[in-house]
Amino acid sequence: MDTNVLPIAPRKIVAAAGNKETKDLLSKRNVEIIEVEMDELIKGGRGPRCCNLEFLRK
């Protein structure tokens, strides 16, 4: 689920908790990561992007 993230703003994402290596790489590139516990949803093959409807921003 490393690549299944939800971008919510430039350099700001929602990601499933864990994935330390990916999180470290993104953090070094000044990406803010909001981690969410999704253990049960991941079992069904879902991640942050798959669990959201259309996300509109100005």
PDB file of N, CA and C in Angstrom:
ATOM      1  N   MET A   1       0.806  -1.209   0.000  1.00  0.00           N
ATOM      2  CA  MET A   1       0.000   0.000   0.000  1.00  0.00           C
ATOM      3  C   MET A   1       0.845   1.266   0.000  1.00  0.00           C
ATOM      4  N   ASP A   2       2.134   1.135  -0.250  1.00  0.00           N
ATOM      5  CA  ASP A   2       3.009   2.314  -0.215  1.00  0.00           C
ATOM      6  C   ASP A   2       2.554   3.419  -1.156  1.00  0.00           C
ATOM      7  N   THR A   3       2.055   3.055  -2.322  1.00  0.00           N
ATOM      8  CA  THR A   3       1.702   4.085  -3.301  1.00  0.00           C
ATOM      9  C   THR A   3       0.237   4.477  -3.250  1.00  0.00           C
ATOM     10  N   ASN A   4      -0.568   3.816  -2.458  1.00  0.00           N
ATOM     11  CA  ASN A   4      -1.977   4.153  -2.353  1.00  0.00           C
ATOM     12  C   ASN A   4      -2.134   5.223  -1.280  1.00  0.00           C
ATOM     13  N   VAL A   5      -1.912   6.470  -1.679  1.00  0.00           N
ATOM     14  CA  VAL A   5      -2.014   7.608  -0.767  1.00  0.00           C
ATOM     15  C   VAL A   5      -3.037   8.588  -1.315  1.00  0.00           C
ATOM     16  N   LEU A   6      -3.518   9.468  -0.451  1.00  0.00           N
ATOM     17  CA  LEU A   6      -4.481  10.485  -0.856  1.00  0.00           C
ATOM     18  C   LEU A   6      -3.826  11.858  -0.738  1.00  0.00           C
ATOM     19  N   PRO A   7      -3.501  12.491  -1.869  1.00  0.00           N
ATOM     20  CA  PRO A   7      -2.943  13.849  -1.796  1.00  0.00           C
ATOM     21  C   PRO A   7      -4.054  14.822  -1.416  1.00  0.00           C
ATOM     22  N   ILE A   8      -3.811  15.651  -0.405  1.00  0.00           N
ATOM     23  CA  ILE A   8      -4.837  16.604   0.021  1.00  0.00           C
ATOM     24  C   ILE A   8      -4.397  18.058  -0.169  1.00  0.00           C
ATOM     25  N   ALA A   9      -3.129  18.259  -0.429  1.00  0.00           N
ATOM     26  CA  ALA A   9      -2.579  19.587  -0.695  1.00  0.00           C
ATOM     27  C   ALA A   9      -1.175  19.370  -1.261  1.00  0.00           C
ATOM     28  N   PRO A  10      -0.595  20.400  -1.845  1.00  0.00           N
ATOM     29  CA  PRO A  10       0.785  20.234  -2.305  1.00  0.00           C
ATOM     30  C   PRO A  10       1.684  19.804  -1.135  1.00  0.00           C
ATOM     31  N   ARG A  11       2.402  18.725  -1.349  1.00  0.00           N
ATOM     32  CA  ARG A  11       3.330  18.185  -0.349  1.00  0.00           C
ATOM     33  C   ARG A  11       2.649  17.752   0.955  1.00  0.00           C
ATOM     34  N   LYS A  12       1.382  17.319   0.868  1.00  0.00           N
ATOM     35  CA  LYS A  12       0.655  16.844   2.045  1.00  0.00           C
ATOM     36  C   LYS A  12      -0.227  15.677   1.617  1.00  0.00           C
ATOM     37  N   ILE A  13      -0.045  14.516   2.278  1.00  0.00           N
ATOM     38  CA  ILE A  13      -0.790  13.318   1.898  1.00  0.00           C
ATOM     39  C   ILE A  13      -1.353  12.610   3.127  1.00  0.00           C
ATOM     40  N   VAL A  14      -2.366  11.785   2.876  1.00  0.00           N
ATOM     41  CA  VAL A  14      -2.873  10.852   3.878  1.00  0.00           C
ATOM     42  C   VAL A  14      -2.402   9.482   3.433  1.00  0.00           C
ATOM     43  N   ALA A  15      -1.798   8.729   4.358  1.00  0.00           N
ATOM     44  CA  ALA A  15      -1.251   7.414   4.032  1.00  0.00           C
ATOM     45  C   ALA A  15      -1.581   6.425   5.142  1.00  0.00           C
ATOM     46  N   ALA A  16      -1.651   5.158   4.782  1.00  0.00           N
ATOM     47  CA  ALA A  16      -1.836   4.112   5.783  1.00  0.00           C
ATOM     48  C   ALA A  16      -0.618   4.088   6.701  1.00  0.00           C
ATOM     49  N   ALA A  17      -0.851   3.830   7.970  1.00  0.00           N
ATOM     50  CA  ALA A  17       0.250   3.757   8.935  1.00  0.00           C
ATOM     51  C   ALA A  17       1.203   2.633   8.554  1.00  0.00           C
ATOM     52  N   GLY A  18       2.468   2.828   8.868  1.00  0.00           N
ATOM     53  CA  GLY A  18       3.491   1.844   8.534  1.00  0.00           C
ATOM     54  C   GLY A  18       4.322   2.334   7.371  1.00  0.00           C
ATOM     55  N   ASN A  19       4.812   1.423   6.547  1.00  0.00           N
ATOM     56  CA  ASN A  19       5.593   1.772   5.354  1.00  0.00           C
ATOM     57  C   ASN A  19       6.727   2.735   5.678  1.00  0.00           C
ATOM     58  N   LYS A  20       7.543   2.368   6.651  1.00  0.00           N
ATOM     59  CA  LYS A  20       8.597   3.254   7.146  1.00  0.00           C
ATOM     60  C   LYS A  20       9.538   3.759   6.055  1.00  0.00           C
ATOM     61  N   GLU A  21       9.976   2.903   5.168  1.00  0.00           N
ATOM     62  CA  GLU A  21      10.931   3.334   4.139  1.00  0.00           C
ATOM     63  C   GLU A  21      10.331   4.400   3.234  1.00  0.00           C
ATOM     64  N   THR A  22       9.117   4.181   2.776  1.00  0.00           N
ATOM     65  CA  THR A  22       8.459   5.160   1.912  1.00  0.00           C
ATOM     66  C   THR A  22       8.225   6.460   2.663  1.00  0.00           C
ATOM     67  N   LYS A  23       7.784   6.349   3.914  1.00  0.00           N
ATOM     68  CA  LYS A  23       7.545   7.536   4.740  1.00  0.00           C
ATOM     69  C   LYS A  23       8.826   8.338   4.921  1.00  0.00           C
ATOM     70  N   ASP A  24       9.936   7.655   5.171  1.00  0.00           N
ATOM     71  CA  ASP A  24      11.218   8.339   5.338  1.00  0.00           C
ATOM     72  C   ASP A  24      11.640   9.055   4.058  1.00  0.00           C
ATOM     73  N   LEU A  25      11.486   8.400   2.917  1.00  0.00           N
ATOM     74  CA  LEU A  25      11.852   9.020   1.632  1.00  0.00           C
ATOM     75  C   LEU A  25      11.006  10.266   1.355  1.00  0.00           C
ATOM     76  N   LEU A  26       9.712  10.160   1.602  1.00  0.00           N
ATOM     77  CA  LEU A  26       8.839  11.313   1.361  1.00  0.00           C
ATOM     78  C   LEU A  26       9.128  12.447   2.342  1.00  0.00           C
ATOM     79  N   SER A  27       9.363  12.119   3.583  1.00  0.00           N
ATOM     80  CA  SER A  27       9.675  13.138   4.600  1.00  0.00           C
ATOM     81  C   SER A  27      10.940  13.909   4.246  1.00  0.00           C
ATOM     82  N   LYS A  28      11.929  13.210   3.718  1.00  0.00           N
ATOM     83  CA  LYS A  28      13.174  13.877   3.304  1.00  0.00           C
ATOM     84  C   LYS A  28      12.930  14.864   2.168  1.00  0.00           C
ATOM     85  N   ARG A  29      11.832  14.684   1.460  1.00  0.00           N
ATOM     86  CA  ARG A  29      11.474  15.577   0.351  1.00  0.00           C
ATOM     87  C   ARG A  29      10.388  16.573   0.759  1.00  0.00           C
ATOM     88  N   ASN A  30      10.290  16.793   2.075  1.00  0.00           N
ATOM     89  CA  ASN A  30       9.375  17.784   2.652  1.00  0.00           C
ATOM     90  C   ASN A  30       7.907  17.507   2.354  1.00  0.00           C
ATOM     91  N   VAL A  31       7.528  16.242   2.351  1.00  0.00           N
ATOM     92  CA  VAL A  31       6.122  15.873   2.204  1.00  0.00           C
ATOM     93  C   VAL A  31       5.580  15.598   3.602  1.00  0.00           C
ATOM     94  N   GLU A  32       4.501  16.295   3.964  1.00  0.00           N
ATOM     95  CA  GLU A  32       3.852  16.056   5.252  1.00  0.00           C
ATOM     96  C   GLU A  32       2.944  14.841   5.109  1.00  0.00           C
ATOM     97  N   ILE A  33       3.058  13.901   6.030  1.00  0.00           N
ATOM     98  CA  ILE A  33       2.311  12.652   5.946  1.00  0.00           C
ATOM     99  C   ILE A  33       1.384  12.535   7.154  1.00  0.00           C
ATOM    100  N   ILE A  34       0.107  12.383   6.881  1.00  0.00           N
ATOM    101  CA  ILE A  34      -0.877  12.130   7.927  1.00  0.00           C
ATOM    102  C   ILE A  34      -1.149  10.632   7.900  1.00  0.00           C
ATOM    103  N   GLU A  35      -0.735   9.946   8.955  1.00  0.00           N
ATOM    104  CA  GLU A  35      -0.889   8.494   8.989  1.00  0.00           C
ATOM    105  C   GLU A  35      -2.222   8.095   9.611  1.00  0.00           C
ATOM    106  N   VAL A  36      -2.870   7.098   9.001  1.00  0.00           N
ATOM    107  CA  VAL A  36      -4.155   6.603   9.470  1.00  0.00           C
ATOM    108  C   VAL A  36      -4.051   5.085   9.626  1.00  0.00           C
ATOM    109  N   GLU A  37      -4.539   4.563  10.753  1.00  0.00           N
ATOM    110  CA  GLU A  37      -4.571   3.112  10.946  1.00  0.00           C
ATOM    111  C   GLU A  37      -5.642   2.528  10.028  1.00  0.00           C
ATOM    112  N   MET A  38      -5.236   1.650   9.137  1.00  0.00           N
ATOM    113  CA  MET A  38      -6.163   1.068   8.163  1.00  0.00           C
ATOM    114  C   MET A  38      -5.969  -0.439   8.036  1.00  0.00           C
ATOM    115  N   ASP A  39      -5.515  -1.077   9.095  1.00  0.00           N
ATOM    116  CA  ASP A  39      -5.186  -2.501   9.034  1.00  0.00           C
ATOM    117  C   ASP A  39      -6.305  -3.367   8.457  1.00  0.00           C
ATOM    118  N   GLU A  40      -7.522  -3.163   8.910  1.00  0.00           N
ATOM    119  CA  GLU A  40      -8.633  -3.998   8.439  1.00  0.00           C
ATOM    120  C   GLU A  40      -8.986  -3.699   6.986  1.00  0.00           C
ATOM    121  N   LEU A  41      -8.958  -2.438   6.579  1.00  0.00           N
ATOM    122  CA  LEU A  41      -9.282  -2.088   5.195  1.00  0.00           C
ATOM    123  C   LEU A  41      -8.216  -2.600   4.227  1.00  0.00           C
ATOM    124  N   ILE A  42      -6.965  -2.585   4.648  1.00  0.00           N
ATOM    125  CA  ILE A  42      -5.873  -3.063   3.797  1.00  0.00           C
ATOM    126  C   ILE A  42      -6.037  -4.549   3.493  1.00  0.00           C
ATOM    127  N   LYS A  43      -6.597  -5.305   4.445  1.00  0.00           N
ATOM    128  CA  LYS A  43      -6.833  -6.730   4.215  1.00  0.00           C
ATOM    129  C   LYS A  43      -7.731  -6.944   2.990  1.00  0.00           C
ATOM    130  N   GLY A  44      -8.604  -6.002   2.729  1.00  0.00           N
ATOM    131  CA  GLY A  44      -9.503  -6.090   1.579  1.00  0.00           C
ATOM    132  C   GLY A  44      -8.932  -5.420   0.342  1.00  0.00           C
ATOM    133  N   GLY A  45      -7.677  -4.999   0.410  1.00  0.00           N
ATOM    134  CA  GLY A  45      -7.039  -4.382  -0.748  1.00  0.00           C
ATOM    135  C   GLY A  45      -7.372  -2.908  -0.919  1.00  0.00           C
ATOM    136  N   ARG A  46      -7.736  -2.246   0.143  1.00  0.00           N
ATOM    137  CA  ARG A  46      -8.102  -0.830   0.076  1.00  0.00           C
ATOM    138  C   ARG A  46      -7.076   0.017   0.815  1.00  0.00           C
ATOM    139  N   GLY A  47      -6.924   1.240   0.339  1.00  0.00           N
ATOM    140  CA  GLY A  47      -6.031   2.193   0.979  1.00  0.00           C
ATOM    141  C   GLY A  47      -6.708   3.545   1.049  1.00  0.00           C
ATOM    142  N   PRO A  48      -6.000   4.597   1.477  1.00  0.00           N
ATOM    143  CA  PRO A  48      -6.605   5.920   1.645  1.00  0.00           C
ATOM    144  C   PRO A  48      -7.274   6.470   0.379  1.00  0.00           C
ATOM    145  N   ARG A  49      -6.654   6.309  -0.762  1.00  0.00           N
ATOM    146  CA  ARG A  49      -7.228   6.851  -1.993  1.00  0.00           C
ATOM    147  C   ARG A  49      -8.504   6.101  -2.369  1.00  0.00           C
ATOM    148  N   CYS A  50      -8.508   4.801  -2.200  1.00  0.00           N
ATOM    149  CA  CYS A  50      -9.668   3.986  -2.570  1.00  0.00           C
ATOM    150  C   CYS A  50     -10.851   4.191  -1.635  1.00  0.00           C
ATOM    151  N   CYS A  51     -10.613   4.690  -0.443  1.00  0.00           N
ATOM    152  CA  CYS A  51     -11.676   4.814   0.559  1.00  0.00           C
ATOM    153  C   CYS A  51     -12.318   6.198   0.574  1.00  0.00           C
ATOM    154  N   ASN A  52     -12.054   7.005  -0.437  1.00  0.00           N
ATOM    155  CA  ASN A  52     -12.593   8.369  -0.461  1.00  0.00           C
ATOM    156  C   ASN A  52     -13.337   8.632  -1.749  1.00  0.00           C
ATOM    157  N   LEU A  53     -14.347   9.471  -1.615  1.00  0.00           N
ATOM    158  CA  LEU A  53     -15.047   9.953  -2.790  1.00  0.00           C
ATOM    159  C   LEU A  53     -14.257  11.122  -3.375  1.00  0.00           C
ATOM    160  N   GLU A  54     -14.838  11.787  -4.329  1.00  0.00           N
ATOM    161  CA  GLU A  54     -14.172  12.923  -4.960  1.00  0.00           C
ATOM    162  C   GLU A  54     -13.810  13.963  -3.896  1.00  0.00           C
ATOM    163  N   PHE A  55     -12.603  14.475  -4.003  1.00  0.00           N
ATOM    164  CA  PHE A  55     -12.077  15.423  -3.027  1.00  0.00           C
ATOM    165  C   PHE A  55     -11.845  16.740  -3.776  1.00  0.00           C
ATOM    166  N   LEU A  56     -12.642  17.761  -3.473  1.00  0.00           N
ATOM    167  CA  LEU A  56     -12.520  19.053  -4.149  1.00  0.00           C
ATOM    168  C   LEU A  56     -11.822  20.051  -3.237  1.00  0.00           C
ATOM    169  N   ARG A  57     -10.988  20.873  -3.832  1.00  0.00           N
ATOM    170  CA  ARG A  57     -10.325  21.936  -3.075  1.00  0.00           C
ATOM    171  C   ARG A  57     -10.210  23.163  -3.966  1.00  0.00           C
ATOM    172  N   LYS A  58     -10.043  24.303  -3.342  1.00  0.00           N
ATOM    173  CA  LYS A  58      -9.913  25.554  -4.099  1.00  0.00           C
ATOM    174  C   LYS A  58      -8.495  25.773  -4.504  1.00  0.00           C
TER     175      LYS A  58
END
